């Protein structure tokens, strides 16, 4: 018998999402208020940023992400009260203040 794993909303939105270089730069500038480190591993940085977003998202915002993550047009999702995540085609494009 096959065991089914029930994924929570928290886990689902991160499964098929990619992060652009532009998003990494803007996340450092606009959310963390820091300069981008001179050397780092991109995959590791993606995981750190996704975990940080996960920690800052409200349940309602996670539901929005889960609903609109596959939309072909641009989607603006509120994030951490003062920011907007811009997503297109399962890719985090930028973050606005």
PDB file of N, CA and C in Angstrom:
ATOM      1  N   UNK A   1       0.838  -1.160   0.000  1.00  0.00           N
ATOM      2  CA  UNK A   1       0.000   0.000   0.000  1.00  0.00           C
ATOM      3  C   UNK A   1       0.896   1.240   0.000  1.00  0.00           C
ATOM      4  N   UNK A   2       0.518   2.225  -0.801  1.00  0.00           N
ATOM      5  CA  UNK A   2       1.298   3.441  -0.935  1.00  0.00           C
ATOM      6  C   UNK A   2       0.859   4.470   0.109  1.00  0.00           C
ATOM      7  N   UNK A   3       1.825   5.062   0.750  1.00  0.00           N
ATOM      8  CA  UNK A   3       1.538   6.066   1.756  1.00  0.00           C
ATOM      9  C   UNK A   3       1.477   7.441   1.104  1.00  0.00           C
ATOM     10  N   UNK A   4       0.436   8.191   1.388  1.00  0.00           N
ATOM     11  CA  UNK A   4       0.298   9.534   0.853  1.00  0.00           C
ATOM     12  C   UNK A   4       0.776  10.533   1.889  1.00  0.00           C
ATOM     13  N   UNK A   5       1.565  11.473   1.426  1.00  0.00           N
ATOM     14  CA  UNK A   5       2.049  12.518   2.321  1.00  0.00           C
ATOM     15  C   UNK A   5       1.210  13.759   2.080  1.00  0.00           C
ATOM     16  N   UNK A   6       0.599  14.231   3.120  1.00  0.00           N
ATOM     17  CA  UNK A   6      -0.218  15.426   3.009  1.00  0.00           C
ATOM     18  C   UNK A   6       0.679  16.635   3.241  1.00  0.00           C
ATOM     19  N   UNK A   7       0.795  17.468   2.235  1.00  0.00           N
ATOM     20  CA  UNK A   7       1.632  18.658   2.328  1.00  0.00           C
ATOM     21  C   UNK A   7       0.815  19.818   2.867  1.00  0.00           C
ATOM     22  N   UNK A   8       1.434  20.574   3.735  1.00  0.00           N
ATOM     23  CA  UNK A   8       0.759  21.755   4.261  1.00  0.00           C
ATOM     24  C   UNK A   8       0.902  22.891   3.261  1.00  0.00           C
ATOM     25  N   UNK A   9       0.130  23.930   3.437  1.00  0.00           N
ATOM     26  CA  UNK A   9       0.213  25.102   2.576  1.00  0.00           C
ATOM     27  C   UNK A   9       1.612  25.696   2.647  1.00  0.00           C
ATOM     28  N   UNK A  10       2.246  25.599   3.819  1.00  0.00           N
ATOM     29  CA  UNK A  10       3.587  26.151   3.985  1.00  0.00           C
ATOM     30  C   UNK A  10       4.579  25.492   3.043  1.00  0.00           C
ATOM     31  N   UNK A  11       4.464  24.198   2.838  1.00  0.00           N
ATOM     32  CA  UNK A  11       5.424  23.474   2.020  1.00  0.00           C
ATOM     33  C   UNK A  11       5.106  23.555   0.535  1.00  0.00           C
ATOM     34  N   UNK A  12       3.847  23.625   0.180  1.00  0.00           N
ATOM     35  CA  UNK A  12       3.457  23.530  -1.224  1.00  0.00           C
ATOM     36  C   UNK A  12       3.969  24.681  -2.078  1.00  0.00           C
ATOM     37  N   UNK A  13       3.908  25.907  -1.599  1.00  0.00           N
ATOM     38  CA  UNK A  13       4.263  27.025  -2.457  1.00  0.00           C
ATOM     39  C   UNK A  13       5.757  27.065  -2.773  1.00  0.00           C
ATOM     40  N   UNK A  14       6.595  26.453  -1.951  1.00  0.00           N
ATOM     41  CA  UNK A  14       8.037  26.482  -2.198  1.00  0.00           C
ATOM     42  C   UNK A  14       8.520  25.373  -3.127  1.00  0.00           C
ATOM     43  N   UNK A  15       7.690  24.410  -3.432  1.00  0.00           N
ATOM     44  CA  UNK A  15       8.140  23.249  -4.199  1.00  0.00           C
ATOM     45  C   UNK A  15       8.596  23.580  -5.614  1.00  0.00           C
ATOM     46  N   UNK A  16       7.818  24.332  -6.359  1.00  0.00           N
ATOM     47  CA  UNK A  16       8.110  24.565  -7.774  1.00  0.00           C
ATOM     48  C   UNK A  16       8.396  26.020  -8.075  1.00  0.00           C
ATOM     49  N   UNK A  17       8.983  26.727  -7.142  1.00  0.00           N
ATOM     50  CA  UNK A  17       9.239  28.144  -7.373  1.00  0.00           C
ATOM     51  C   UNK A  17      10.730  28.365  -7.578  1.00  0.00           C
ATOM     52  N   UNK A  18      11.057  29.272  -8.481  1.00  0.00           N
ATOM     53  CA  UNK A  18      12.456  29.622  -8.686  1.00  0.00           C
ATOM     54  C   UNK A  18      12.654  31.086  -8.316  1.00  0.00           C
ATOM     55  N   UNK A  19      13.902  31.450  -8.134  1.00  0.00           N
ATOM     56  CA  UNK A  19      14.247  32.787  -7.682  1.00  0.00           C
ATOM     57  C   UNK A  19      15.237  33.386  -8.678  1.00  0.00           C
ATOM     58  N   UNK A  20      14.974  34.606  -9.132  1.00  0.00           N
ATOM     59  CA  UNK A  20      15.889  35.269 -10.061  1.00  0.00           C
ATOM     60  C   UNK A  20      17.017  35.947  -9.295  1.00  0.00           C
ATOM     61  N   UNK A  21      18.097  36.223 -10.012  1.00  0.00           N
ATOM     62  CA  UNK A  21      19.223  36.942  -9.431  1.00  0.00           C
ATOM     63  C   UNK A  21      18.775  38.328  -8.966  1.00  0.00           C
ATOM     64  N   UNK A  22      17.940  38.971  -9.774  1.00  0.00           N
ATOM     65  CA  UNK A  22      17.405  40.290  -9.439  1.00  0.00           C
ATOM     66  C   UNK A  22      16.648  40.235  -8.112  1.00  0.00           C
ATOM     67  N   UNK A  23      15.857  39.186  -7.906  1.00  0.00           N
ATOM     68  CA  UNK A  23      15.107  39.039  -6.663  1.00  0.00           C
ATOM     69  C   UNK A  23      16.045  38.921  -5.465  1.00  0.00           C
ATOM     70  N   UNK A  24      17.110  38.140  -5.607  1.00  0.00           N
ATOM     71  CA  UNK A  24      18.076  37.978  -4.519  1.00  0.00           C
ATOM     72  C   UNK A  24      18.681  39.328  -4.141  1.00  0.00           C
ATOM     73  N   UNK A  25      19.076  40.109  -5.150  1.00  0.00           N
ATOM     74  CA  UNK A  25      19.654  41.426  -4.884  1.00  0.00           C
ATOM     75  C   UNK A  25      18.658  42.348  -4.192  1.00  0.00           C
ATOM     76  N   UNK A  26      17.431  42.406  -4.719  1.00  0.00           N
ATOM     77  CA  UNK A  26      16.422  43.300  -4.153  1.00  0.00           C
ATOM     78  C   UNK A  26      15.977  42.856  -2.766  1.00  0.00           C
ATOM     79  N   UNK A  27      15.939  41.555  -2.513  1.00  0.00           N
ATOM     80  CA  UNK A  27      15.554  41.062  -1.190  1.00  0.00           C
ATOM     81  C   UNK A  27      16.572  41.528  -0.143  1.00  0.00           C
ATOM     82  N   UNK A  28      17.836  41.451  -0.494  1.00  0.00           N
ATOM     83  CA  UNK A  28      18.864  41.937   0.426  1.00  0.00           C
ATOM     84  C   UNK A  28      18.697  43.433   0.691  1.00  0.00           C
ATOM     85  N   UNK A  29      18.487  44.204  -0.374  1.00  0.00           N
ATOM     86  CA  UNK A  29      18.381  45.653  -0.237  1.00  0.00           C
ATOM     87  C   UNK A  29      17.110  46.097   0.482  1.00  0.00           C
ATOM     88  N   UNK A  30      15.982  45.531   0.116  1.00  0.00           N
ATOM     89  CA  UNK A  30      14.693  46.068   0.546  1.00  0.00           C
ATOM     90  C   UNK A  30      14.074  45.376   1.750  1.00  0.00           C
ATOM     91  N   UNK A  31      14.486  44.169   2.044  1.00  0.00           N
ATOM     92  CA  UNK A  31      13.917  43.454   3.197  1.00  0.00           C
ATOM     93  C   UNK A  31      14.948  43.371   4.327  1.00  0.00           C
ATOM     94  N   UNK A  32      16.157  42.960   3.991  1.00  0.00           N
ATOM     95  CA  UNK A  32      17.195  42.823   5.008  1.00  0.00           C
ATOM     96  C   UNK A  32      17.998  44.110   5.203  1.00  0.00           C
ATOM     97  N   UNK A  33      17.890  45.069   4.300  1.00  0.00           N
ATOM     98  CA  UNK A  33      18.626  46.331   4.353  1.00  0.00           C
ATOM     99  C   UNK A  33      20.129  46.099   4.468  1.00  0.00           C
ATOM    100  N   UNK A  34      20.626  45.161   3.668  1.00  0.00           N
ATOM    101  CA  UNK A  34      22.051  44.834   3.643  1.00  0.00           C
ATOM    102  C   UNK A  34      22.523  44.747   2.202  1.00  0.00           C
ATOM    103  N   UNK A  35      23.824  44.876   2.031  1.00  0.00           N
ATOM    104  CA  UNK A  35      24.418  44.662   0.727  1.00  0.00           C
ATOM    105  C   UNK A  35      24.558  43.163   0.474  1.00  0.00           C
ATOM    106  N   UNK A  36      24.507  42.792  -0.778  1.00  0.00           N
ATOM    107  CA  UNK A  36      24.679  41.402  -1.167  1.00  0.00           C
ATOM    108  C   UNK A  36      26.115  40.970  -0.853  1.00  0.00           C
ATOM    109  N   UNK A  37      26.316  39.814  -0.210  1.00  0.00           N
ATOM    110  CA  UNK A  37      27.688  39.355   0.069  1.00  0.00           C
ATOM    111  C   UNK A  37      28.475  39.164  -1.223  1.00  0.00           C
ATOM    112  N   UNK A  38      29.772  39.321  -1.143  1.00  0.00           N
ATOM    113  CA  UNK A  38      30.597  39.203  -2.346  1.00  0.00           C
ATOM    114  C   UNK A  38      30.688  37.766  -2.848  1.00  0.00           C
ATOM    115  N   UNK A  39      30.652  36.793  -1.954  1.00  0.00           N
ATOM    116  CA  UNK A  39      30.686  35.403  -2.393  1.00  0.00           C
ATOM    117  C   UNK A  39      29.694  34.575  -1.571  1.00  0.00           C
ATOM    118  N   UNK A  40      28.928  33.773  -2.275  1.00  0.00           N
ATOM    119  CA  UNK A  40      27.966  32.883  -1.635  1.00  0.00           C
ATOM    120  C   UNK A  40      27.516  31.846  -2.654  1.00  0.00           C
ATOM    121  N   UNK A  41      26.911  30.778  -2.169  1.00  0.00           N
ATOM    122  CA  UNK A  41      26.361  29.761  -3.054  1.00  0.00           C
ATOM    123  C   UNK A  41      24.911  30.118  -3.335  1.00  0.00           C
ATOM    124  N   UNK A  42      24.572  30.210  -4.597  1.00  0.00           N
ATOM    125  CA  UNK A  42      23.240  30.673  -4.973  1.00  0.00           C
ATOM    126  C   UNK A  42      22.143  29.747  -4.445  1.00  0.00           C
ATOM    127  N   UNK A  43      22.337  28.442  -4.560  1.00  0.00           N
ATOM    128  CA  UNK A  43      21.316  27.504  -4.083  1.00  0.00           C
ATOM    129  C   UNK A  43      21.083  27.669  -2.589  1.00  0.00           C
ATOM    130  N   UNK A  44      22.161  27.826  -1.842  1.00  0.00           N
ATOM    131  CA  UNK A  44      22.048  28.028  -0.405  1.00  0.00           C
ATOM    132  C   UNK A  44      21.342  29.348  -0.102  1.00  0.00           C
ATOM    133  N   UNK A  45      21.652  30.400  -0.857  1.00  0.00           N
ATOM    134  CA  UNK A  45      21.004  31.693  -0.657  1.00  0.00           C
ATOM    135  C   UNK A  45      19.512  31.603  -0.970  1.00  0.00           C
ATOM    136  N   UNK A  46      19.147  30.857  -2.020  1.00  0.00           N
ATOM    137  CA  UNK A  46      17.727  30.659  -2.341  1.00  0.00           C
ATOM    138  C   UNK A  46      16.996  30.017  -1.171  1.00  0.00           C
ATOM    139  N   UNK A  47      17.598  29.001  -0.587  1.00  0.00           N
ATOM    140  CA  UNK A  47      16.970  28.313   0.550  1.00  0.00           C
ATOM    141  C   UNK A  47      16.832  29.236   1.754  1.00  0.00           C
ATOM    142  N   UNK A  48      17.839  30.048   2.009  1.00  0.00           N
ATOM    143  CA  UNK A  48      17.787  30.987   3.134  1.00  0.00           C
ATOM    144  C   UNK A  48      16.676  32.011   2.921  1.00  0.00           C
ATOM    145  N   UNK A  49      16.589  32.536   1.711  1.00  0.00           N
ATOM    146  CA  UNK A  49      15.556  33.533   1.411  1.00  0.00           C
ATOM    147  C   UNK A  49      14.171  32.907   1.489  1.00  0.00           C
ATOM    148  N   UNK A  50      13.985  31.721   0.936  1.00  0.00           N
ATOM    149  CA  UNK A  50      12.671  31.072   0.988  1.00  0.00           C
ATOM    150  C   UNK A  50      12.264  30.763   2.422  1.00  0.00           C
ATOM    151  N   UNK A  51      13.209  30.344   3.251  1.00  0.00           N
ATOM    152  CA  UNK A  51      12.892  30.104   4.661  1.00  0.00           C
ATOM    153  C   UNK A  51      12.524  31.403   5.381  1.00  0.00           C
ATOM    154  N   UNK A  52      13.200  32.493   5.027  1.00  0.00           N
ATOM    155  CA  UNK A  52      12.895  33.785   5.631  1.00  0.00           C
ATOM    156  C   UNK A  52      11.504  34.266   5.211  1.00  0.00           C
ATOM    157  N   UNK A  53      11.195  34.104   3.934  1.00  0.00           N
ATOM    158  CA  UNK A  53       9.859  34.473   3.454  1.00  0.00           C
ATOM    159  C   UNK A  53       8.808  33.626   4.163  1.00  0.00           C
ATOM    160  N   UNK A  54       9.073  32.343   4.269  1.00  0.00           N
ATOM    161  CA  UNK A  54       8.153  31.419   4.941  1.00  0.00           C
ATOM    162  C   UNK A  54       7.868  31.868   6.374  1.00  0.00           C
ATOM    163  N   UNK A  55       8.897  32.303   7.067  1.00  0.00           N
ATOM    164  CA  UNK A  55       8.736  32.732   8.459  1.00  0.00           C
ATOM    165  C   UNK A  55       7.943  34.033   8.576  1.00  0.00           C
ATOM    166  N   UNK A  56       8.052  34.896   7.575  1.00  0.00           N
ATOM    167  CA  UNK A  56       7.404  36.205   7.640  1.00  0.00           C
ATOM    168  C   UNK A  56       5.992  36.226   7.068  1.00  0.00           C
ATOM    169  N   UNK A  57       5.615  35.210   6.294  1.00  0.00           N
ATOM    170  CA  UNK A  57       4.287  35.192   5.675  1.00  0.00           C
ATOM    171  C   UNK A  57       3.198  34.828   6.682  1.00  0.00           C
ATOM    172  N   UNK A  58       2.078  35.490   6.557  1.00  0.00           N
ATOM    173  CA  UNK A  58       0.897  35.120   7.323  1.00  0.00           C
ATOM    174  C   UNK A  58       0.221  33.941   6.642  1.00  0.00           C
ATOM    175  N   UNK A  59      -0.654  33.245   7.346  1.00  0.00           N
ATOM    176  CA  UNK A  59      -1.355  32.104   6.751  1.00  0.00           C
ATOM    177  C   UNK A  59      -2.156  32.513   5.521  1.00  0.00           C
ATOM    178  N   UNK A  60      -2.782  33.654   5.580  1.00  0.00           N
ATOM    179  CA  UNK A  60      -3.570  34.142   4.450  1.00  0.00           C
ATOM    180  C   UNK A  60      -2.689  34.413   3.236  1.00  0.00           C
ATOM    181  N   UNK A  61      -1.505  34.986   3.471  1.00  0.00           N
ATOM    182  CA  UNK A  61      -0.569  35.250   2.376  1.00  0.00           C
ATOM    183  C   UNK A  61      -0.055  33.947   1.768  1.00  0.00           C
ATOM    184  N   UNK A  62       0.150  32.931   2.597  1.00  0.00           N
ATOM    185  CA  UNK A  62       0.566  31.619   2.086  1.00  0.00           C
ATOM    186  C   UNK A  62      -0.523  31.013   1.206  1.00  0.00           C
ATOM    187  N   UNK A  63      -1.784  31.206   1.597  1.00  0.00           N
ATOM    188  CA  UNK A  63      -2.896  30.708   0.785  1.00  0.00           C
ATOM    189  C   UNK A  63      -2.944  31.435  -0.555  1.00  0.00           C
ATOM    190  N   UNK A  64      -2.686  32.756  -0.565  1.00  0.00           N
ATOM    191  CA  UNK A  64      -2.620  33.518  -1.819  1.00  0.00           C
ATOM    192  C   UNK A  64      -1.536  32.959  -2.721  1.00  0.00           C
ATOM    193  N   UNK A  65      -0.365  32.727  -2.143  1.00  0.00           N
ATOM    194  CA  UNK A  65       0.746  32.175  -2.925  1.00  0.00           C
ATOM    195  C   UNK A  65       0.394  30.826  -3.512  1.00  0.00           C
ATOM    196  N   UNK A  66      -0.194  29.969  -2.700  1.00  0.00           N
ATOM    197  CA  UNK A  66      -0.561  28.640  -3.156  1.00  0.00           C
ATOM    198  C   UNK A  66      -1.581  28.709  -4.292  1.00  0.00           C
ATOM    199  N   UNK A  67      -2.474  29.673  -4.226  1.00  0.00           N
ATOM    200  CA  UNK A  67      -3.511  29.822  -5.243  1.00  0.00           C
ATOM    201  C   UNK A  67      -2.967  30.376  -6.552  1.00  0.00           C
ATOM    202  N   UNK A  68      -2.107  31.392  -6.471  1.00  0.00           N
ATOM    203  CA  UNK A  68      -1.684  32.124  -7.667  1.00  0.00           C
ATOM    204  C   UNK A  68      -0.303  31.772  -8.179  1.00  0.00           C
ATOM    205  N   UNK A  69       0.346  30.781  -7.601  1.00  0.00           N
ATOM    206  CA  UNK A  69       1.717  30.478  -7.973  1.00  0.00           C
ATOM    207  C   UNK A  69       1.861  30.050  -9.440  1.00  0.00           C
ATOM    208  N   UNK A  70       0.869  29.448 -10.035  1.00  0.00           N
ATOM    209  CA  UNK A  70       0.974  28.994 -11.421  1.00  0.00           C
ATOM    210  C   UNK A  70       0.410  29.966 -12.440  1.00  0.00           C
ATOM    211  N   UNK A  71       0.035  31.157 -12.015  1.00  0.00           N
ATOM    212  CA  UNK A  71      -0.578  32.126 -12.924  1.00  0.00           C
ATOM    213  C   UNK A  71       0.437  32.618 -13.953  1.00  0.00           C
ATOM    214  N   UNK A  72       0.027  32.704 -15.223  1.00  0.00           N
ATOM    215  CA  UNK A  72       0.953  33.151 -16.263  1.00  0.00           C
ATOM    216  C   UNK A  72       1.213  34.658 -16.234  1.00  0.00           C
ATOM    217  N   UNK A  73       0.325  35.417 -15.621  1.00  0.00           N
ATOM    218  CA  UNK A  73       0.525  36.860 -15.555  1.00  0.00           C
ATOM    219  C   UNK A  73       1.232  37.220 -14.241  1.00  0.00           C
ATOM    220  N   UNK A  74       1.610  38.482 -14.130  1.00  0.00           N
ATOM    221  CA  UNK A  74       2.251  38.940 -12.895  1.00  0.00           C
ATOM    222  C   UNK A  74       1.259  38.918 -11.749  1.00  0.00           C
ATOM    223  N   UNK A  75       1.732  38.488 -10.598  1.00  0.00           N
ATOM    224  CA  UNK A  75       0.912  38.455  -9.389  1.00  0.00           C
ATOM    225  C   UNK A  75       1.655  39.235  -8.311  1.00  0.00           C
ATOM    226  N   UNK A  76       0.944  40.128  -7.637  1.00  0.00           N
ATOM    227  CA  UNK A  76       1.516  40.887  -6.535  1.00  0.00           C
ATOM    228  C   UNK A  76       0.926  40.346  -5.240  1.00  0.00           C
ATOM    229  N   UNK A  77       1.775  39.820  -4.385  1.00  0.00           N
ATOM    230  CA  UNK A  77       1.323  39.249  -3.120  1.00  0.00           C
ATOM    231  C   UNK A  77       1.872  40.101  -1.982  1.00  0.00           C
ATOM    232  N   UNK A  78       1.003  40.573  -1.081  1.00  0.00           N
ATOM    233  CA  UNK A  78       1.502  41.337   0.063  1.00  0.00           C
ATOM    234  C   UNK A  78       2.404  40.471   0.930  1.00  0.00           C
ATOM    235  N   UNK A  79       3.425  41.118   1.484  1.00  0.00           N
ATOM    236  CA  UNK A  79       4.432  40.379   2.235  1.00  0.00           C
ATOM    237  C   UNK A  79       4.949  41.235   3.388  1.00  0.00           C
ATOM    238  N   UNK A  80       4.893  40.714   4.590  1.00  0.00           N
ATOM    239  CA  UNK A  80       5.439  41.356   5.788  1.00  0.00           C
ATOM    240  C   UNK A  80       4.926  42.783   5.979  1.00  0.00           C
ATOM    241  N   UNK A  81       3.678  43.005   5.741  1.00  0.00           N
ATOM    242  CA  UNK A  81       2.955  44.262   5.946  1.00  0.00           C
ATOM    243  C   UNK A  81       3.360  45.400   5.029  1.00  0.00           C
ATOM    244  N   UNK A  82       4.640  45.525   4.668  1.00  0.00           N
ATOM    245  CA  UNK A  82       5.101  46.699   3.931  1.00  0.00           C
ATOM    246  C   UNK A  82       5.670  46.388   2.556  1.00  0.00           C
ATOM    247  N   UNK A  83       5.744  45.128   2.180  1.00  0.00           N
ATOM    248  CA  UNK A  83       6.383  44.747   0.924  1.00  0.00           C
ATOM    249  C   UNK A  83       5.412  44.014   0.008  1.00  0.00           C
ATOM    250  N   UNK A  84       5.781  43.948  -1.272  1.00  0.00           N
ATOM    251  CA  UNK A  84       5.030  43.176  -2.263  1.00  0.00           C
ATOM    252  C   UNK A  84       5.990  42.223  -2.952  1.00  0.00           C
ATOM    253  N   UNK A  85       5.610  40.947  -3.023  1.00  0.00           N
ATOM    254  CA  UNK A  85       6.359  39.974  -3.822  1.00  0.00           C
ATOM    255  C   UNK A  85       5.751  39.961  -5.209  1.00  0.00           C
ATOM    256  N   UNK A  86       6.581  40.062  -6.241  1.00  0.00           N
ATOM    257  CA  UNK A  86       6.118  40.005  -7.617  1.00  0.00           C
ATOM    258  C   UNK A  86       6.520  38.646  -8.177  1.00  0.00           C
ATOM    259  N   UNK A  87       5.506  37.907  -8.658  1.00  0.00           N
ATOM    260  CA  UNK A  87       5.718  36.546  -9.144  1.00  0.00           C
ATOM    261  C   UNK A  87       5.170  36.424 -10.557  1.00  0.00           C
ATOM    262  N   UNK A  88       5.911  35.750 -11.427  1.00  0.00           N
ATOM    263  CA  UNK A  88       5.433  35.443 -12.771  1.00  0.00           C
ATOM    264  C   UNK A  88       5.951  34.077 -13.168  1.00  0.00           C
ATOM    265  N   UNK A  89       5.068  33.227 -13.653  1.00  0.00           N
ATOM    266  CA  UNK A  89       5.436  31.887 -14.129  1.00  0.00           C
ATOM    267  C   UNK A  89       6.272  31.109 -13.115  1.00  0.00           C
ATOM    268  N   UNK A  90       5.794  31.013 -11.884  1.00  0.00           N
ATOM    269  CA  UNK A  90       6.472  30.262 -10.809  1.00  0.00           C
ATOM    270  C   UNK A  90       7.863  30.798 -10.494  1.00  0.00           C
ATOM    271  N   UNK A  91       8.090  32.092 -10.725  1.00  0.00           N
ATOM    272  CA  UNK A  91       9.382  32.698 -10.459  1.00  0.00           C
ATOM    273  C   UNK A  91       9.209  33.959  -9.642  1.00  0.00           C
ATOM    274  N   UNK A  92       9.961  34.069  -8.563  1.00  0.00           N
ATOM    275  CA  UNK A  92       9.981  35.306  -7.790  1.00  0.00           C
ATOM    276  C   UNK A  92      10.830  36.313  -8.571  1.00  0.00           C
ATOM    277  N   UNK A  93      10.192  37.386  -9.027  1.00  0.00           N
ATOM    278  CA  UNK A  93      10.852  38.343  -9.915  1.00  0.00           C
ATOM    279  C   UNK A  93      11.505  39.474  -9.133  1.00  0.00           C
ATOM    280  N   UNK A  94      10.741  40.113  -8.243  1.00  0.00           N
ATOM    281  CA  UNK A  94      11.283  41.217  -7.455  1.00  0.00           C
ATOM    282  C   UNK A  94      10.440  41.411  -6.202  1.00  0.00           C
ATOM    283  N   UNK A  95      10.914  42.291  -5.341  1.00  0.00           N
ATOM    284  CA  UNK A  95      10.176  42.647  -4.134  1.00  0.00           C
ATOM    285  C   UNK A  95      10.167  44.168  -4.046  1.00  0.00           C
ATOM    286  N   UNK A  96       8.994  44.741  -3.776  1.00  0.00           N
ATOM    287  CA  UNK A  96       8.849  46.186  -3.651  1.00  0.00           C
ATOM    288  C   UNK A  96       8.593  46.554  -2.206  1.00  0.00           C
ATOM    289  N   UNK A  97       8.987  47.780  -1.837  1.00  0.00           N
ATOM    290  CA  UNK A  97       8.656  48.315  -0.510  1.00  0.00           C
ATOM    291  C   UNK A  97       7.302  48.961  -0.552  1.00  0.00           C
TER     292      UNK A  97
END
